[in-house]
PDB file of N, CA and C in Angstrom:
ATOM      1  N   GLN A   1       0.766  -1.189   0.043  1.00  0.00           N
ATOM      2  CA  GLN A   1      -0.011  -0.010  -0.002  1.00  0.00           C
ATOM      3  C   GLN A   1       0.912   1.194   0.083  1.00  0.00           C
ATOM      4  N   GLU A   2       0.669   2.012  -1.088  1.00  0.00           N
ATOM      5  CA  GLU A   2       1.493   3.359  -1.094  1.00  0.00           C
ATOM      6  C   GLU A   2       0.893   4.413  -0.339  1.00  0.00           C
ATOM      7  N   GLU A   3       1.748   5.168   0.549  1.00  0.00           N
ATOM      8  CA  GLU A   3       1.291   6.216   1.355  1.00  0.00           C
ATOM      9  C   GLU A   3       1.164   7.514   0.462  1.00  0.00           C
ATOM     10  N   VAL A   4       0.282   8.260   0.760  1.00  0.00           N
ATOM     11  CA  VAL A   4      -0.102   9.570  -0.031  1.00  0.00           C
ATOM     12  C   VAL A   4       1.225  10.420  -0.035  1.00  0.00           C
ATOM     13  N   LEU A   5       1.904  10.476   1.136  1.00  0.00           N
ATOM     14  CA  LEU A   5       3.074  11.371   1.083  1.00  0.00           C
ATOM     15  C   LEU A   5       4.193  10.941   0.194  1.00  0.00           C
ATOM     16  N   SER A   6       4.119   9.594  -0.152  1.00  0.00           N
ATOM     17  CA  SER A   6       5.309   9.021  -0.993  1.00  0.00           C
ATOM     18  C   SER A   6       4.969   9.316  -2.478  1.00  0.00           C
ATOM     19  N   HIS A   7       3.843   9.688  -2.824  1.00  0.00           N
ATOM     20  CA  HIS A   7       3.463   9.905  -4.192  1.00  0.00           C
ATOM     21  C   HIS A   7       4.471  10.993  -4.859  1.00  0.00           C
ATOM     22  N   PRO A   8       4.878  10.712  -6.054  1.00  0.00           N
ATOM     23  CA  PRO A   8       5.970  11.693  -6.525  1.00  0.00           C
ATOM     24  C   PRO A   8       5.315  13.154  -7.004  1.00  0.00           C
ATOM     25  N   SER A   9       3.919  13.296  -6.884  1.00  0.00           N
ATOM     26  CA  SER A   9       3.493  14.682  -7.164  1.00  0.00           C
ATOM     27  C   SER A   9       3.497  15.429  -5.792  1.00  0.00           C
ATOM     28  N   VAL A  10       3.763  14.902  -4.530  1.00  0.00           N
ATOM     29  CA  VAL A  10       3.730  15.676  -3.348  1.00  0.00           C
ATOM     30  C   VAL A  10       5.109  16.294  -3.299  1.00  0.00           C
ATOM     31  N   GLY A  11       5.014  17.697  -3.155  1.00  0.00           N
ATOM     32  CA  GLY A  11       6.189  18.491  -3.189  1.00  0.00           C
ATOM     33  C   GLY A  11       6.459  18.954  -1.760  1.00  0.00           C
ATOM     34  N   GLY A  12       5.574  18.803  -0.944  1.00  0.00           N
ATOM     35  CA  GLY A  12       5.743  19.274   0.582  1.00  0.00           C
ATOM     36  C   GLY A  12       4.503  18.902   1.343  1.00  0.00           C
ATOM     37  N   PHE A  13       4.596  19.037   2.729  1.00  0.00           N
ATOM     38  CA  PHE A  13       3.621  18.703   3.588  1.00  0.00           C
ATOM     39  C   PHE A  13       3.369  19.692   4.654  1.00  0.00           C
ATOM     40  N   LEU A  14       2.138  20.356   4.777  1.00  0.00           N
ATOM     41  CA  LEU A  14       1.640  21.279   5.801  1.00  0.00           C
ATOM     42  C   LEU A  14       1.314  20.492   6.959  1.00  0.00           C
ATOM     43  N   THR A  15       2.016  20.545   8.092  1.00  0.00           N
ATOM     44  CA  THR A  15       1.704  19.738   9.160  1.00  0.00           C
ATOM     45  C   THR A  15       1.640  20.455  10.564  1.00  0.00           C
ATOM     46  N   HIS A  16       0.736  20.053  11.443  1.00  0.00           N
ATOM     47  CA  HIS A  16       0.685  20.592  12.705  1.00  0.00           C
ATOM     48  C   HIS A  16       1.778  19.962  13.780  1.00  0.00           C
ATOM     49  N   CYS A  17       2.669  19.122  13.120  1.00  0.00           N
ATOM     50  CA  CYS A  17       3.817  18.489  13.868  1.00  0.00           C
ATOM     51  C   CYS A  17       3.390  17.436  14.806  1.00  0.00           C
ATOM     52  N   GLY A  18       2.393  16.714  14.592  1.00  0.00           N
ATOM     53  CA  GLY A  18       2.170  15.551  15.319  1.00  0.00           C
ATOM     54  C   GLY A  18       3.294  14.471  15.039  1.00  0.00           C
ATOM     55  N   TRP A  19       3.663  13.687  16.001  1.00  0.00           N
ATOM     56  CA  TRP A  19       4.761  12.795  15.878  1.00  0.00           C
ATOM     57  C   TRP A  19       4.521  11.839  14.792  1.00  0.00           C
ATOM     58  N   ASN A  20       3.294  11.251  14.719  1.00  0.00           N
ATOM     59  CA  ASN A  20       3.140  10.196  13.538  1.00  0.00           C
ATOM     60  C   ASN A  20       3.248  10.878  12.173  1.00  0.00           C
ATOM     61  N   SER A  21       2.602  11.946  12.141  1.00  0.00           N
ATOM     62  CA  SER A  21       2.601  12.804  10.816  1.00  0.00           C
ATOM     63  C   SER A  21       4.122  13.141  10.361  1.00  0.00           C
ATOM     64  N   THR A  22       4.902  13.627  11.391  1.00  0.00           N
ATOM     65  CA  THR A  22       6.267  13.946  11.096  1.00  0.00           C
ATOM     66  C   THR A  22       7.057  12.699  10.629  1.00  0.00           C
ATOM     67  N   LEU A  23       6.832  11.548  11.316  1.00  0.00           N
ATOM     68  CA  LEU A  23       7.551  10.308  10.963  1.00  0.00           C
ATOM     69  C   LEU A  23       7.191   9.865   9.557  1.00  0.00           C
ATOM     70  N   GLU A  24       5.827  10.039   9.289  1.00  0.00           N
ATOM     71  CA  GLU A  24       5.490   9.690   7.863  1.00  0.00           C
ATOM     72  C   GLU A  24       6.190  10.573   6.832  1.00  0.00           C
ATOM     73  N   ALA A  25       6.226  11.771   7.046  1.00  0.00           N
ATOM     74  CA  ALA A  25       6.862  12.703   6.085  1.00  0.00           C
ATOM     75  C   ALA A  25       8.366  12.500   6.022  1.00  0.00           C
ATOM     76  N   VAL A  26       9.130  12.227   7.117  1.00  0.00           N
ATOM     77  CA  VAL A  26      10.420  11.864   7.012  1.00  0.00           C
ATOM     78  C   VAL A  26      10.512  10.562   6.286  1.00  0.00           C
ATOM     79  N   PHE A  27       9.816   9.547   6.526  1.00  0.00           N
ATOM     80  CA  PHE A  27       9.992   8.314   5.827  1.00  0.00           C
ATOM     81  C   PHE A  27       9.798   8.479   4.376  1.00  0.00           C
ATOM     82  N   ALA A  28       8.918   9.364   4.051  1.00  0.00           N
ATOM     83  CA  ALA A  28       8.494   9.706   2.585  1.00  0.00           C
ATOM     84  C   ALA A  28       9.624  10.515   1.948  1.00  0.00           C
ATOM     85  N   GLY A  29      10.435  11.321   2.774  1.00  0.00           N
ATOM     86  CA  GLY A  29      11.462  12.180   2.120  1.00  0.00           C
ATOM     87  C   GLY A  29      10.885  13.435   1.725  1.00  0.00           C
ATOM     88  N   VAL A  30       9.810  13.967   2.387  1.00  0.00           N
ATOM     89  CA  VAL A  30       9.110  15.206   1.896  1.00  0.00           C
ATOM     90  C   VAL A  30       9.404  16.471   2.839  1.00  0.00           C
ATOM     91  N   PRO A  31       9.753  17.442   2.394  1.00  0.00           N
ATOM     92  CA  PRO A  31       9.996  18.609   3.325  1.00  0.00           C
ATOM     93  C   PRO A  31       8.663  19.096   3.872  1.00  0.00           C
ATOM     94  N   MET A  32       8.756  19.936   4.888  1.00  0.00           N
ATOM     95  CA  MET A  32       7.516  20.289   5.718  1.00  0.00           C
ATOM     96  C   MET A  32       7.363  21.715   5.904  1.00  0.00           C
ATOM     97  N   LEU A  33       6.130  22.280   5.898  1.00  0.00           N
ATOM     98  CA  LEU A  33       5.853  23.495   6.368  1.00  0.00           C
ATOM     99  C   LEU A  33       5.205  23.253   7.801  1.00  0.00           C
ATOM    100  N   THR A  34       5.702  23.763   8.829  1.00  0.00           N
ATOM    101  CA  THR A  34       5.213  23.417  10.025  1.00  0.00           C
ATOM    102  C   THR A  34       4.255  24.445  10.704  1.00  0.00           C
ATOM    103  N   PHE A  35       3.170  23.970  11.305  1.00  0.00           N
ATOM    104  CA  PHE A  35       2.129  24.813  12.021  1.00  0.00           C
ATOM    105  C   PHE A  35       1.878  24.201  13.401  1.00  0.00           C
ATOM    106  N   PRO A  36       2.886  24.268  14.303  1.00  0.00           N
ATOM    107  CA  PRO A  36       2.523  23.590  15.661  1.00  0.00           C
ATOM    108  C   PRO A  36       1.533  24.430  16.299  1.00  0.00           C
ATOM    109  N   ILE A  37       0.669  23.820  17.145  1.00  0.00           N
ATOM    110  CA  ILE A  37      -0.340  24.455  17.988  1.00  0.00           C
ATOM    111  C   ILE A  37      -0.020  24.240  19.387  1.00  0.00           C
ATOM    112  N   PHE A  38       0.266  23.190  19.794  1.00  0.00           N
ATOM    113  CA  PHE A  38       0.627  22.988  21.374  1.00  0.00           C
ATOM    114  C   PHE A  38       1.317  21.840  21.590  1.00  0.00           C
ATOM    115  N   TRP A  39       1.720  21.673  22.970  1.00  0.00           N
ATOM    116  CA  TRP A  39       2.400  20.601  23.565  1.00  0.00           C
ATOM    117  C   TRP A  39       3.536  20.102  22.794  1.00  0.00           C
ATOM    118  N   ASP A  40       3.761  18.755  22.473  1.00  0.00           N
ATOM    119  CA  ASP A  40       4.981  18.460  21.913  1.00  0.00           C
ATOM    120  C   ASP A  40       5.156  18.865  20.373  1.00  0.00           C
ATOM    121  N   GLN A  41       4.092  19.554  19.816  1.00  0.00           N
ATOM    122  CA  GLN A  41       4.251  19.944  18.413  1.00  0.00           C
ATOM    123  C   GLN A  41       5.319  21.007  18.252  1.00  0.00           C
ATOM    124  N   VAL A  42       5.530  21.835  19.296  1.00  0.00           N
ATOM    125  CA  VAL A  42       6.365  23.069  19.240  1.00  0.00           C
ATOM    126  C   VAL A  42       7.804  22.497  19.080  1.00  0.00           C
ATOM    127  N   PRO A  43       8.236  21.492  20.121  1.00  0.00           N
ATOM    128  CA  PRO A  43       9.596  21.028  19.902  1.00  0.00           C
ATOM    129  C   PRO A  43       9.843  20.203  18.626  1.00  0.00           C
ATOM    130  N   ILE A  44       8.849  19.509  18.258  1.00  0.00           N
ATOM    131  CA  ILE A  44       9.018  18.671  16.912  1.00  0.00           C
ATOM    132  C   ILE A  44       9.141  19.677  15.789  1.00  0.00           C
ATOM    133  N   SER A  45       8.384  20.734  15.752  1.00  0.00           N
ATOM    134  CA  SER A  45       8.579  21.772  14.732  1.00  0.00           C
ATOM    135  C   SER A  45      10.109  22.294  14.773  1.00  0.00           C
ATOM    136  N   LYS A  46      10.576  22.390  15.974  1.00  0.00           N
ATOM    137  CA  LYS A  46      12.005  22.949  16.099  1.00  0.00           C
ATOM    138  C   LYS A  46      12.910  21.892  15.501  1.00  0.00           C
ATOM    139  N   HIS A  47      12.677  20.616  15.697  1.00  0.00           N
ATOM    140  CA  HIS A  47      13.534  19.494  15.081  1.00  0.00           C
ATOM    141  C   HIS A  47      13.397  19.672  13.598  1.00  0.00           C
ATOM    142  N   ILE A  48      12.280  19.764  13.004  1.00  0.00           N
ATOM    143  CA  ILE A  48      12.106  19.769  11.484  1.00  0.00           C
ATOM    144  C   ILE A  48      12.820  21.059  10.983  1.00  0.00           C
ATOM    145  N   VAL A  49      12.604  22.068  11.679  1.00  0.00           N
ATOM    146  CA  VAL A  49      13.185  23.398  11.015  1.00  0.00           C
ATOM    147  C   VAL A  49      14.595  23.694  11.311  1.00  0.00           C
ATOM    148  N   GLU A  50      14.854  23.509  12.591  1.00  0.00           N
ATOM    149  CA  GLU A  50      16.261  24.045  13.066  1.00  0.00           C
ATOM    150  C   GLU A  50      17.269  22.918  13.014  1.00  0.00           C
ATOM    151  N   ASP A  51      16.918  21.771  13.517  1.00  0.00           N
ATOM    152  CA  ASP A  51      17.785  20.626  13.718  1.00  0.00           C
ATOM    153  C   ASP A  51      18.005  19.897  12.359  1.00  0.00           C
ATOM    154  N   TRP A  52      16.918  19.408  11.731  1.00  0.00           N
ATOM    155  CA  TRP A  52      17.024  18.665  10.598  1.00  0.00           C
ATOM    156  C   TRP A  52      17.094  19.515   9.279  1.00  0.00           C
ATOM    157  N   LYS A  53      16.699  20.689   9.348  1.00  0.00           N
ATOM    158  CA  LYS A  53      16.621  21.658   8.242  1.00  0.00           C
ATOM    159  C   LYS A  53      15.891  21.193   6.998  1.00  0.00           C
ATOM    160  N   ILE A  54      14.619  20.539   7.361  1.00  0.00           N
ATOM    161  CA  ILE A  54      13.906  19.954   6.266  1.00  0.00           C
ATOM    162  C   ILE A  54      12.493  20.632   6.218  1.00  0.00           C
ATOM    163  N   GLY A  55      12.461  21.875   6.708  1.00  0.00           N
ATOM    164  CA  GLY A  55      11.114  22.552   6.784  1.00  0.00           C
ATOM    165  C   GLY A  55      11.167  24.054   7.151  1.00  0.00           C
ATOM    166  N   TRP A  56      10.079  24.715   6.995  1.00  0.00           N
ATOM    167  CA  TRP A  56      10.042  26.096   7.415  1.00  0.00           C
ATOM    168  C   TRP A  56       8.766  26.228   8.358  1.00  0.00           C
ATOM    169  N   LYS A  57       8.905  27.043   9.338  1.00  0.00           N
ATOM    170  CA  LYS A  57       7.766  27.274  10.233  1.00  0.00           C
ATOM    171  C   LYS A  57       6.851  28.340   9.658  1.00  0.00           C
ATOM    172  N   VAL A  58       5.489  27.841   9.754  1.00  0.00           N
ATOM    173  CA  VAL A  58       4.417  28.900   9.168  1.00  0.00           C
ATOM    174  C   VAL A  58       4.004  29.850  10.206  1.00  0.00           C
ATOM    175  N   LYS A  59       3.662  29.238  11.279  1.00  0.00           N
ATOM    176  CA  LYS A  59       2.979  30.003  12.471  1.00  0.00           C
ATOM    177  C   LYS A  59       3.900  30.881  13.157  1.00  0.00           C
ATOM    178  N   LYS A  60       3.396  32.055  13.265  1.00  0.00           N
ATOM    179  CA  LYS A  60       4.167  33.121  14.081  1.00  0.00           C
ATOM    180  C   LYS A  60       3.996  32.886  15.558  1.00  0.00           C
ATOM    181  N   ASP A  61       4.967  33.288  16.398  1.00  0.00           N
ATOM    182  CA  ASP A  61       4.944  32.946  17.734  1.00  0.00           C
ATOM    183  C   ASP A  61       3.782  33.882  18.477  1.00  0.00           C
ATOM    184  N   VAL A  62       3.599  35.083  17.795  1.00  0.00           N
ATOM    185  CA  VAL A  62       2.566  35.971  18.154  1.00  0.00           C
ATOM    186  C   VAL A  62       1.819  36.427  16.960  1.00  0.00           C
ATOM    187  N   GLY A  63       0.535  36.451  17.052  1.00  0.00           N
ATOM    188  CA  GLY A  63      -0.421  37.050  16.085  1.00  0.00           C
ATOM    189  C   GLY A  63      -0.867  35.985  14.955  1.00  0.00           C
ATOM    190  N   VAL A  64      -1.578  36.462  13.954  1.00  0.00           N
ATOM    191  CA  VAL A  64      -2.159  35.508  12.990  1.00  0.00           C
ATOM    192  C   VAL A  64      -1.435  35.695  11.688  1.00  0.00           C
ATOM    193  N   VAL A  65      -1.193  34.452  11.154  1.00  0.00           N
ATOM    194  CA  VAL A  65      -0.551  34.445   9.777  1.00  0.00           C
ATOM    195  C   VAL A  65      -1.667  34.611   8.682  1.00  0.00           C
ATOM    196  N   THR A  66      -1.425  35.671   7.894  1.00  0.00           N
ATOM    197  CA  THR A  66      -2.352  36.095   6.903  1.00  0.00           C
ATOM    198  C   THR A  66      -2.401  35.171   5.572  1.00  0.00           C
ATOM    199  N   ARG A  67      -3.386  35.155   4.871  1.00  0.00           N
ATOM    200  CA  ARG A  67      -3.599  34.513   3.637  1.00  0.00           C
ATOM    201  C   ARG A  67      -2.442  34.724   2.625  1.00  0.00           C
ATOM    202  N   GLY A  68      -2.093  36.073   2.692  1.00  0.00           N
ATOM    203  CA  GLY A  68      -1.001  36.416   1.722  1.00  0.00           C
ATOM    204  C   GLY A  68       0.356  35.885   2.117  1.00  0.00           C
ATOM    205  N   GLU A  69       0.604  35.874   3.463  1.00  0.00           N
ATOM    206  CA  GLU A  69       1.828  35.410   4.024  1.00  0.00           C
ATOM    207  C   GLU A  69       1.941  33.935   3.763  1.00  0.00           C
ATOM    208  N   ILE A  70       0.908  33.196   3.820  1.00  0.00           N
ATOM    209  CA  ILE A  70       0.772  31.739   3.561  1.00  0.00           C
ATOM    210  C   ILE A  70       1.052  31.448   2.102  1.00  0.00           C
ATOM    211  N   SER A  71       0.377  32.232   1.381  1.00  0.00           N
ATOM    212  CA  SER A  71       0.484  32.105  -0.229  1.00  0.00           C
ATOM    213  C   SER A  71       1.885  32.269  -0.684  1.00  0.00           C
ATOM    214  N   GLU A  72       2.684  33.349   0.054  1.00  0.00           N
ATOM    215  CA  GLU A  72       3.910  33.596  -0.469  1.00  0.00           C
ATOM    216  C   GLU A  72       4.973  32.495  -0.063  1.00  0.00           C
ATOM    217  N   LEU A  73       4.692  32.101   1.198  1.00  0.00           N
ATOM    218  CA  LEU A  73       5.662  31.014   1.669  1.00  0.00           C
ATOM    219  C   LEU A  73       5.410  29.830   0.938  1.00  0.00           C
ATOM    220  N   VAL A  74       4.162  29.453   0.563  1.00  0.00           N
ATOM    221  CA  VAL A  74       4.041  28.170  -0.295  1.00  0.00           C
ATOM    222  C   VAL A  74       4.662  28.332  -1.682  1.00  0.00           C
ATOM    223  N   LYS A  75       4.585  29.564  -2.272  1.00  0.00           N
ATOM    224  CA  LYS A  75       5.377  29.834  -3.553  1.00  0.00           C
ATOM    225  C   LYS A  75       6.678  29.680  -3.382  1.00  0.00           C
ATOM    226  N   ARG A  76       7.323  30.112  -2.395  1.00  0.00           N
ATOM    227  CA  ARG A  76       8.786  29.951  -2.256  1.00  0.00           C
ATOM    228  C   ARG A  76       9.117  28.502  -1.947  1.00  0.00           C
ATOM    229  N   PHE A  77       8.263  27.797  -1.032  1.00  0.00           N
ATOM    230  CA  PHE A  77       8.517  26.495  -0.750  1.00  0.00           C
ATOM    231  C   PHE A  77       8.392  25.477  -1.936  1.00  0.00           C
ATOM    232  N   MET A  78       7.620  25.849  -2.905  1.00  0.00           N
ATOM    233  CA  MET A  78       7.468  24.944  -4.115  1.00  0.00           C
ATOM    234  C   MET A  78       8.330  25.346  -5.285  1.00  0.00           C
ATOM    235  N   ASP A  79       9.148  26.340  -5.093  1.00  0.00           N
ATOM    236  CA  ASP A  79      10.110  26.734  -6.032  1.00  0.00           C
ATOM    237  C   ASP A  79      11.371  25.564  -6.249  1.00  0.00           C
ATOM    238  N   ASN A  80      11.148  24.761  -7.339  1.00  0.00           N
ATOM    239  CA  ASN A  80      11.968  23.661  -7.586  1.00  0.00           C
ATOM    240  C   ASN A  80      13.351  24.114  -8.105  1.00  0.00           C
ATOM    241  N   LYS A  81      13.512  25.438  -8.411  1.00  0.00           N
ATOM    242  CA  LYS A  81      14.744  26.008  -8.989  1.00  0.00           C
ATOM    243  C   LYS A  81      15.575  26.742  -7.847  1.00  0.00           C
ATOM    244  N   SER A  82      14.856  26.911  -6.825  1.00  0.00           N
ATOM    245  CA  SER A  82      15.537  27.694  -5.554  1.00  0.00           C
ATOM    246  C   SER A  82      16.651  26.718  -5.191  1.00  0.00           C
ATOM    247  N   ASP A  83      18.018  27.440  -4.943  1.00  0.00           N
ATOM    248  CA  ASP A  83      18.975  26.563  -4.183  1.00  0.00           C
ATOM    249  C   ASP A  83      18.631  26.097  -2.708  1.00  0.00           C
ATOM    250  N   GLU A  84      17.936  27.026  -1.987  1.00  0.00           N
ATOM    251  CA  GLU A  84      17.455  26.630  -0.778  1.00  0.00           C
ATOM    252  C   GLU A  84      16.690  25.451  -0.784  1.00  0.00           C
ATOM    253  N   MET A  85      15.661  25.389  -1.677  1.00  0.00           N
ATOM    254  CA  MET A  85      14.776  24.277  -1.742  1.00  0.00           C
ATOM    255  C   MET A  85      15.427  23.057  -2.200  1.00  0.00           C
ATOM    256  N   ILE A  86      16.288  23.190  -3.218  1.00  0.00           N
ATOM    257  CA  ILE A  86      16.958  21.992  -3.518  1.00  0.00           C
ATOM    258  C   ILE A  86      17.738  21.304  -2.536  1.00  0.00           C
ATOM    259  N   ALA A  87      18.445  22.205  -1.740  1.00  0.00           N
ATOM    260  CA  ALA A  87      19.210  21.697  -0.561  1.00  0.00           C
ATOM    261  C   ALA A  87      18.184  21.095   0.468  1.00  0.00           C
ATOM    262  N   MET A  88      17.187  21.773   0.673  1.00  0.00           N
ATOM    263  CA  MET A  88      16.283  21.124   1.733  1.00  0.00           C
ATOM    264  C   MET A  88      15.728  19.727   1.181  1.00  0.00           C
ATOM    265  N   ARG A  89      15.300  19.656  -0.051  1.00  0.00           N
ATOM    266  CA  ARG A  89      14.848  18.389  -0.548  1.00  0.00           C
ATOM    267  C   ARG A  89      15.922  17.213  -0.426  1.00  0.00           C
ATOM    268  N   GLN A  90      17.145  17.678  -0.725  1.00  0.00           N
ATOM    269  CA  GLN A  90      18.270  16.654  -0.631  1.00  0.00           C
ATOM    270  C   GLN A  90      18.344  16.252   0.839  1.00  0.00           C
ATOM    271  N   ARG A  91      18.326  17.181   1.899  1.00  0.00           N
ATOM    272  CA  ARG A  91      18.393  16.745   3.204  1.00  0.00           C
ATOM    273  C   ARG A  91      17.266  15.858   3.557  1.00  0.00           C
ATOM    274  N   ALA A  92      16.090  16.254   3.061  1.00  0.00           N
ATOM    275  CA  ALA A  92      14.884  15.292   3.399  1.00  0.00           C
ATOM    276  C   ALA A  92      15.020  13.960   2.790  1.00  0.00           C
ATOM    277  N   LYS A  93      15.681  13.762   1.578  1.00  0.00           N
ATOM    278  CA  LYS A  93      15.848  12.465   1.022  1.00  0.00           C
ATOM    279  C   LYS A  93      16.996  11.633   1.711  1.00  0.00           C
ATOM    280  N   GLU A  94      17.943  12.426   2.243  1.00  0.00           N
ATOM    281  CA  GLU A  94      18.975  11.820   3.027  1.00  0.00           C
ATOM    282  C   GLU A  94      18.464  11.260   4.440  1.00  0.00           C
ATOM    283  N   LEU A  95      17.512  12.000   4.914  1.00  0.00           N
ATOM    284  CA  LEU A  95      16.877  11.541   6.270  1.00  0.00           C
ATOM    285  C   LEU A  95      15.895  10.475   5.901  1.00  0.00           C
ATOM    286  N   GLN A  96      15.341  10.438   4.786  1.00  0.00           N
ATOM    287  CA  GLN A  96      14.547   9.352   4.441  1.00  0.00           C
ATOM    288  C   GLN A  96      15.312   8.017   4.243  1.00  0.00           C
ATOM    289  N   LYS A  97      16.428   8.096   3.673  1.00  0.00           N
ATOM    290  CA  LYS A  97      17.335   6.827   3.448  1.00  0.00           C
ATOM    291  C   LYS A  97      17.747   6.369   4.848  1.00  0.00           C
ATOM    292  N   SER A  98      18.207   7.371   5.663  1.00  0.00           N
ATOM    293  CA  SER A  98      18.512   7.027   7.036  1.00  0.00           C
ATOM    294  C   SER A  98      17.450   6.264   7.855  1.00  0.00           C
ATOM    295  N   SER A  99      16.242   6.847   7.743  1.00  0.00           N
ATOM    296  CA  SER A  99      15.025   6.167   8.437  1.00  0.00           C
ATOM    297  C   SER A  99      14.733   4.897   7.878  1.00  0.00           C
ATOM    298  N   ARG A 100      14.834   4.690   6.550  1.00  0.00           N
ATOM    299  CA  ARG A 100      14.569   3.264   5.950  1.00  0.00           C
ATOM    300  C   ARG A 100      15.577   2.208   6.448  1.00  0.00           C
ATOM    301  N   ARG A 101      16.901   2.725   6.466  1.00  0.00           N
ATOM    302  CA  ARG A 101      17.962   1.820   6.970  1.00  0.00           C
ATOM    303  C   ARG A 101      17.721   1.379   8.398  1.00  0.00           C
ATOM    304  N   ALA A 102      17.246   2.278   9.317  1.00  0.00           N
ATOM    305  CA  ALA A 102      16.952   1.984  10.648  1.00  0.00           C
ATOM    306  C   ALA A 102      15.923   0.806  10.754  1.00  0.00           C
ATOM    307  N   ILE A 103      14.976   0.785   9.862  1.00  0.00           N
ATOM    308  CA  ILE A 103      13.839  -0.178  10.017  1.00  0.00           C
ATOM    309  C   ILE A 103      14.140  -1.469   9.295  1.00  0.00           C
ATOM    310  N   ALA A 104      15.126  -1.447   8.378  1.00  0.00           N
ATOM    311  CA  ALA A 104      15.500  -2.640   7.524  1.00  0.00           C
ATOM    312  C   ALA A 104      16.011  -3.783   8.448  1.00  0.00           C
ATOM    313  N   LYS A 105      16.160  -4.930   8.081  1.00  0.00           N
ATOM    314  CA  LYS A 105      16.583  -5.990   8.880  1.00  0.00           C
ATOM    315  C   LYS A 105      17.979  -5.616   9.307  1.00  0.00           C
ATOM    316  N   GLY A 106      18.210  -5.736  10.503  1.00  0.00           N
ATOM    317  CA  GLY A 106      19.502  -5.396  11.051  1.00  0.00           C
ATOM    318  C   GLY A 106      19.641  -3.990  11.464  1.00  0.00           C
ATOM    319  N   GLY A 107      18.722  -3.176  10.974  1.00  0.00           N
ATOM    320  CA  GLY A 107      18.903  -1.677  11.358  1.00  0.00           C
ATOM    321  C   GLY A 107      18.657  -1.418  12.760  1.00  0.00           C
ATOM    322  N   SER A 108      18.964  -0.146  13.189  1.00  0.00           N
ATOM    323  CA  SER A 108      18.853   0.113  14.613  1.00  0.00           C
ATOM    324  C   SER A 108      17.411  -0.224  15.298  1.00  0.00           C
ATOM    325  N   SER A 109      16.231   0.281  14.580  1.00  0.00           N
ATOM    326  CA  SER A 109      15.111  -0.049  15.091  1.00  0.00           C
ATOM    327  C   SER A 109      14.738  -1.396  15.140  1.00  0.00           C
ATOM    328  N   ASP A 110      15.179  -2.170  14.099  1.00  0.00           N
ATOM    329  CA  ASP A 110      14.957  -3.622  14.108  1.00  0.00           C
ATOM    330  C   ASP A 110      15.712  -4.298  15.137  1.00  0.00           C
ATOM    331  N   ALA A 111      16.926  -4.043  15.335  1.00  0.00           N
ATOM    332  CA  ALA A 111      17.831  -4.652  16.396  1.00  0.00           C
ATOM    333  C   ALA A 111      17.192  -4.309  17.808  1.00  0.00           C
ATOM    334  N   ASN A 112      16.750  -3.019  18.051  1.00  0.00           N
ATOM    335  CA  ASN A 112      16.166  -2.651  19.341  1.00  0.00           C
ATOM    336  C   ASN A 112      15.014  -3.374  19.573  1.00  0.00           C
ATOM    337  N   LEU A 113      14.044  -3.519  18.589  1.00  0.00           N
ATOM    338  CA  LEU A 113      12.849  -4.276  18.859  1.00  0.00           C
ATOM    339  C   LEU A 113      13.236  -5.735  19.040  1.00  0.00           C
ATOM    340  N   ASP A 114      14.210  -6.394  18.431  1.00  0.00           N
ATOM    341  CA  ASP A 114      14.497  -7.735  18.666  1.00  0.00           C
ATOM    342  C   ASP A 114      15.064  -7.858  20.015  1.00  0.00           C
ATOM    343  N   ALA A 115      15.842  -6.993  20.565  1.00  0.00           N
ATOM    344  CA  ALA A 115      16.442  -7.072  21.815  1.00  0.00           C
ATOM    345  C   ALA A 115      15.378  -6.894  22.897  1.00  0.00           C
ATOM    346  N   PHE A 116      14.502  -5.968  22.705  1.00  0.00           N
ATOM    347  CA  PHE A 116      13.359  -5.737  23.683  1.00  0.00           C
ATOM    348  C   PHE A 116      12.469  -7.167  23.795  1.00  0.00           C
ATOM    349  N   ILE A 117      12.145  -7.700  22.648  1.00  0.00           N
ATOM    350  CA  ILE A 117      11.263  -9.036  22.590  1.00  0.00           C
ATOM    351  C   ILE A 117      12.168 -10.123  23.268  1.00  0.00           C
ATOM    352  N   ARG A 118      13.491 -10.163  22.954  1.00  0.00           N
ATOM    353  CA  ARG A 118      14.284 -11.191  23.520  1.00  0.00           C
ATOM    354  C   ARG A 118      14.319 -11.048  25.131  1.00  0.00           C
ATOM    355  N   ASN A 119      14.448  -9.762  25.556  1.00  0.00           N
ATOM    356  CA  ASN A 119      14.522  -9.559  27.033  1.00  0.00           C
ATOM    357  C   ASN A 119      13.190  -9.931  27.627  1.00  0.00           C
ATOM    358  N   ILE A 120      11.923  -9.628  27.151  1.00  0.00           N
ATOM    359  CA  ILE A 120      10.723 -10.039  27.560  1.00  0.00           C
ATOM    360  C   ILE A 120      10.563 -11.538  27.651  1.00  0.00           C
ATOM    361  N   SER A 121      11.033 -12.151  26.533  1.00  0.00           N
ATOM    362  CA  SER A 121      10.862 -13.515  26.370  1.00  0.00           C
ATOM    363  C   SER A 121      11.786 -14.381  27.390  1.00  0.00           C
ATOM    364  N   GLU A 122      12.904 -13.754  27.784  1.00  0.00           N
ATOM    365  CA  GLU A 122      13.673 -14.514  28.847  1.00  0.00           C
ATOM    366  C   GLU A 122      13.258 -14.364  30.125  1.00  0.00           C
ATOM    367  N   GLY A 123      11.991 -13.838  30.381  1.00  0.00           N
ATOM    368  CA  GLY A 123      11.453 -13.704  31.691  1.00  0.00           C
ATOM    369  C   GLY A 123      11.791 -12.489  32.478  1.00  0.00           C
ATOM    370  N   HIS A 124      12.347 -11.373  32.017  1.00  0.00           N
ATOM    371  CA  HIS A 124      12.850 -10.416  32.746  1.00  0.00           C
ATOM    372  C   HIS A 124      11.620  -9.383  33.185  1.00  0.00           C
ATOM    373  N   GLY A 125      10.550  -9.707  32.439  1.00  0.00           N
ATOM    374  CA  GLY A 125       9.444  -8.757  32.750  1.00  0.00           C
ATOM    375  C   GLY A 125       8.597  -9.410  33.979  1.00  0.00           C
ATOM    376  N   HIS A 126       7.868  -8.636  34.622  1.00  0.00           N
ATOM    377  CA  HIS A 126       7.100  -9.241  35.819  1.00  0.00           C
ATOM    378  C   HIS A 126       5.655  -9.045  35.615  1.00  0.00           C
TER     379      HIS A 126
END
């Protein structure tokens, strides 16, 4: 089953920065426009924008974002000829490859899950 975000026509993802949505976008290799609202969404937006550098933040810390501001941001975000966007898309693809290696047989997520199951199976749980 193909995920919507993995479709080749998807150029970006406007997200509220829920963890599941973020993981889906990373796994699909898609840059994000972040619009965090509360709780864990704010630090997740920081990861996307500042740490991983695969997105831009839409929402202002104070005030309302206007239709014109969003329109301008989306136009810049979808500019396939922009050096900034080319670099962002490349970083998103690199993060995608890394995340897929982690879940592959022998990858870090696969190994951690195997170790967890082995630990429970050996009777260490109560």
